[in-house]
């Protein structure tokens, strides 16, 4: 599992983070793609920070690219029906 896949898996199992992911995935929730991209990036950064804090990830195993790739995964993610 890649670092970004780990972040996505963690977000889908964390209620407050998952709620943010659902909001990102819902069409029409953002006025622009720039706002949506920002929400994806912030969710990835906040999730990794929380993962490190609770020892579910090590900061040294991730870099800016991991966060950005996770943000891309969030932007492409579709909510289950």
C-alpha atoms as a PDB file:
ATOM      1  CA  UNK A   1       0.000   0.000   0.000  1.00  0.00           C
ATOM      2  CA  UNK A   2       1.380   3.386  -0.954  1.00  0.00           C
ATOM      3  CA  UNK A   3       1.451   6.306   1.447  1.00  0.00           C
ATOM      4  CA  UNK A   4      -1.390   8.051  -0.331  1.00  0.00           C
ATOM      5  CA  UNK A   5      -3.483   4.866  -0.335  1.00  0.00           C
ATOM      6  CA  UNK A   6      -2.851   4.591   3.405  1.00  0.00           C
ATOM      7  CA  UNK A   7      -4.088   8.159   3.917  1.00  0.00           C
ATOM      8  CA  UNK A   8      -7.223   7.460   1.858  1.00  0.00           C
ATOM      9  CA  UNK A   9      -7.914   4.244   3.785  1.00  0.00           C
ATOM     10  CA  UNK A  10      -7.416   6.057   7.079  1.00  0.00           C
ATOM     11  CA  UNK A  11      -9.753   8.893   6.063  1.00  0.00           C
ATOM     12  CA  UNK A  12     -12.496   6.453   5.092  1.00  0.00           C
ATOM     13  CA  UNK A  13     -12.306   4.935   8.572  1.00  0.00           C
ATOM     14  CA  UNK A  14     -12.283   8.224  10.506  1.00  0.00           C
ATOM     15  CA  UNK A  15     -15.740   9.756  10.954  1.00  0.00           C
ATOM     16  CA  UNK A  16     -14.845  13.461  10.923  1.00  0.00           C
ATOM     17  CA  UNK A  17     -12.400  13.059   8.046  1.00  0.00           C
ATOM     18  CA  UNK A  18     -14.794  10.815   6.121  1.00  0.00           C
ATOM     19  CA  UNK A  19     -17.525  13.453   6.439  1.00  0.00           C
ATOM     20  CA  UNK A  20     -15.155  15.954   4.827  1.00  0.00           C
ATOM     21  CA  UNK A  21     -14.392  13.474   2.031  1.00  0.00           C
ATOM     22  CA  UNK A  22     -18.109  12.991   1.394  1.00  0.00           C
ATOM     23  CA  UNK A  23     -18.530  16.765   1.139  1.00  0.00           C
ATOM     24  CA  UNK A  24     -15.658  16.940  -1.359  1.00  0.00           C
ATOM     25  CA  UNK A  25     -17.149  14.145  -3.469  1.00  0.00           C
ATOM     26  CA  UNK A  26     -20.601  15.706  -3.713  1.00  0.00           C
ATOM     27  CA  UNK A  27     -20.984  17.731  -6.932  1.00  0.00           C
ATOM     28  CA  UNK A  28     -21.870  21.368  -6.470  1.00  0.00           C
ATOM     29  CA  UNK A  29     -20.424  21.781  -2.985  1.00  0.00           C
ATOM     30  CA  UNK A  30     -17.686  24.157  -4.169  1.00  0.00           C
ATOM     31  CA  UNK A  31     -17.872  27.386  -6.150  1.00  0.00           C
ATOM     32  CA  UNK A  32     -14.715  26.559  -8.082  1.00  0.00           C
ATOM     33  CA  UNK A  33     -12.245  23.785  -8.785  1.00  0.00           C
ATOM     34  CA  UNK A  34      -9.639  25.813  -6.928  1.00  0.00           C
ATOM     35  CA  UNK A  35     -11.733  25.665  -3.734  1.00  0.00           C
ATOM     36  CA  UNK A  36     -12.275  21.930  -4.195  1.00  0.00           C
ATOM     37  CA  UNK A  37      -8.542  21.362  -4.770  1.00  0.00           C
ATOM     38  CA  UNK A  38      -7.786  23.321  -1.615  1.00  0.00           C
ATOM     39  CA  UNK A  39     -10.266  21.204   0.376  1.00  0.00           C
ATOM     40  CA  UNK A  40      -8.645  18.006  -0.949  1.00  0.00           C
ATOM     41  CA  UNK A  41      -5.159  19.212  -0.064  1.00  0.00           C
ATOM     42  CA  UNK A  42      -6.158  20.370   3.405  1.00  0.00           C
ATOM     43  CA  UNK A  43      -7.924  17.081   4.115  1.00  0.00           C
ATOM     44  CA  UNK A  44      -4.825  15.137   3.069  1.00  0.00           C
ATOM     45  CA  UNK A  45      -2.544  17.294   5.212  1.00  0.00           C
ATOM     46  CA  UNK A  46      -4.875  17.223   8.228  1.00  0.00           C
ATOM     47  CA  UNK A  47      -5.351  13.471   7.940  1.00  0.00           C
ATOM     48  CA  UNK A  48      -1.620  12.781   7.771  1.00  0.00           C
ATOM     49  CA  UNK A  49      -1.054  15.063  10.746  1.00  0.00           C
ATOM     50  CA  UNK A  50      -3.690  13.143  12.740  1.00  0.00           C
ATOM     51  CA  UNK A  51      -2.235   9.813  11.614  1.00  0.00           C
ATOM     52  CA  UNK A  52       1.222  10.806  12.849  1.00  0.00           C
ATOM     53  CA  UNK A  53      -0.195  12.117  16.124  1.00  0.00           C
ATOM     54  CA  UNK A  54      -1.936   8.811  16.905  1.00  0.00           C
ATOM     55  CA  UNK A  55       1.028   6.715  15.660  1.00  0.00           C
ATOM     56  CA  UNK A  56      -0.796   5.302  12.628  1.00  0.00           C
ATOM     57  CA  UNK A  57       1.934   6.748  10.412  1.00  0.00           C
ATOM     58  CA  UNK A  58       5.491   8.016  10.729  1.00  0.00           C
ATOM     59  CA  UNK A  59       6.254  11.520   9.500  1.00  0.00           C
ATOM     60  CA  UNK A  60       9.519  10.324   7.988  1.00  0.00           C
ATOM     61  CA  UNK A  61       7.640   7.906   5.709  1.00  0.00           C
ATOM     62  CA  UNK A  62       5.736  10.718   3.976  1.00  0.00           C
ATOM     63  CA  UNK A  63       6.593  13.884   2.112  1.00  0.00           C
ATOM     64  CA  UNK A  64       4.815  16.673   0.267  1.00  0.00           C
ATOM     65  CA  UNK A  65       4.310  14.372  -2.719  1.00  0.00           C
ATOM     66  CA  UNK A  66       2.427  11.871  -0.576  1.00  0.00           C
ATOM     67  CA  UNK A  67       0.062  14.605   0.591  1.00  0.00           C
ATOM     68  CA  UNK A  68      -0.473  15.891  -2.944  1.00  0.00           C
ATOM     69  CA  UNK A  69      -1.057  12.401  -4.371  1.00  0.00           C
ATOM     70  CA  UNK A  70      -3.564  11.730  -1.572  1.00  0.00           C
ATOM     71  CA  UNK A  71      -5.311  14.987  -2.497  1.00  0.00           C
ATOM     72  CA  UNK A  72      -5.586  13.741  -6.088  1.00  0.00           C
ATOM     73  CA  UNK A  73      -7.080  10.471  -4.833  1.00  0.00           C
ATOM     74  CA  UNK A  74      -9.618  12.480  -2.838  1.00  0.00           C
ATOM     75  CA  UNK A  75     -10.535  14.550  -5.903  1.00  0.00           C
ATOM     76  CA  UNK A  76     -11.145  11.349  -7.909  1.00  0.00           C
ATOM     77  CA  UNK A  77     -12.902   9.425  -5.123  1.00  0.00           C
ATOM     78  CA  UNK A  78     -16.583   8.624  -5.556  1.00  0.00           C
ATOM     79  CA  UNK A  79     -18.904   8.153  -2.614  1.00  0.00           C
ATOM     80  CA  UNK A  80     -20.515   4.738  -2.326  1.00  0.00           C
ATOM     81  CA  UNK A  81     -24.194   4.677  -3.154  1.00  0.00           C
END
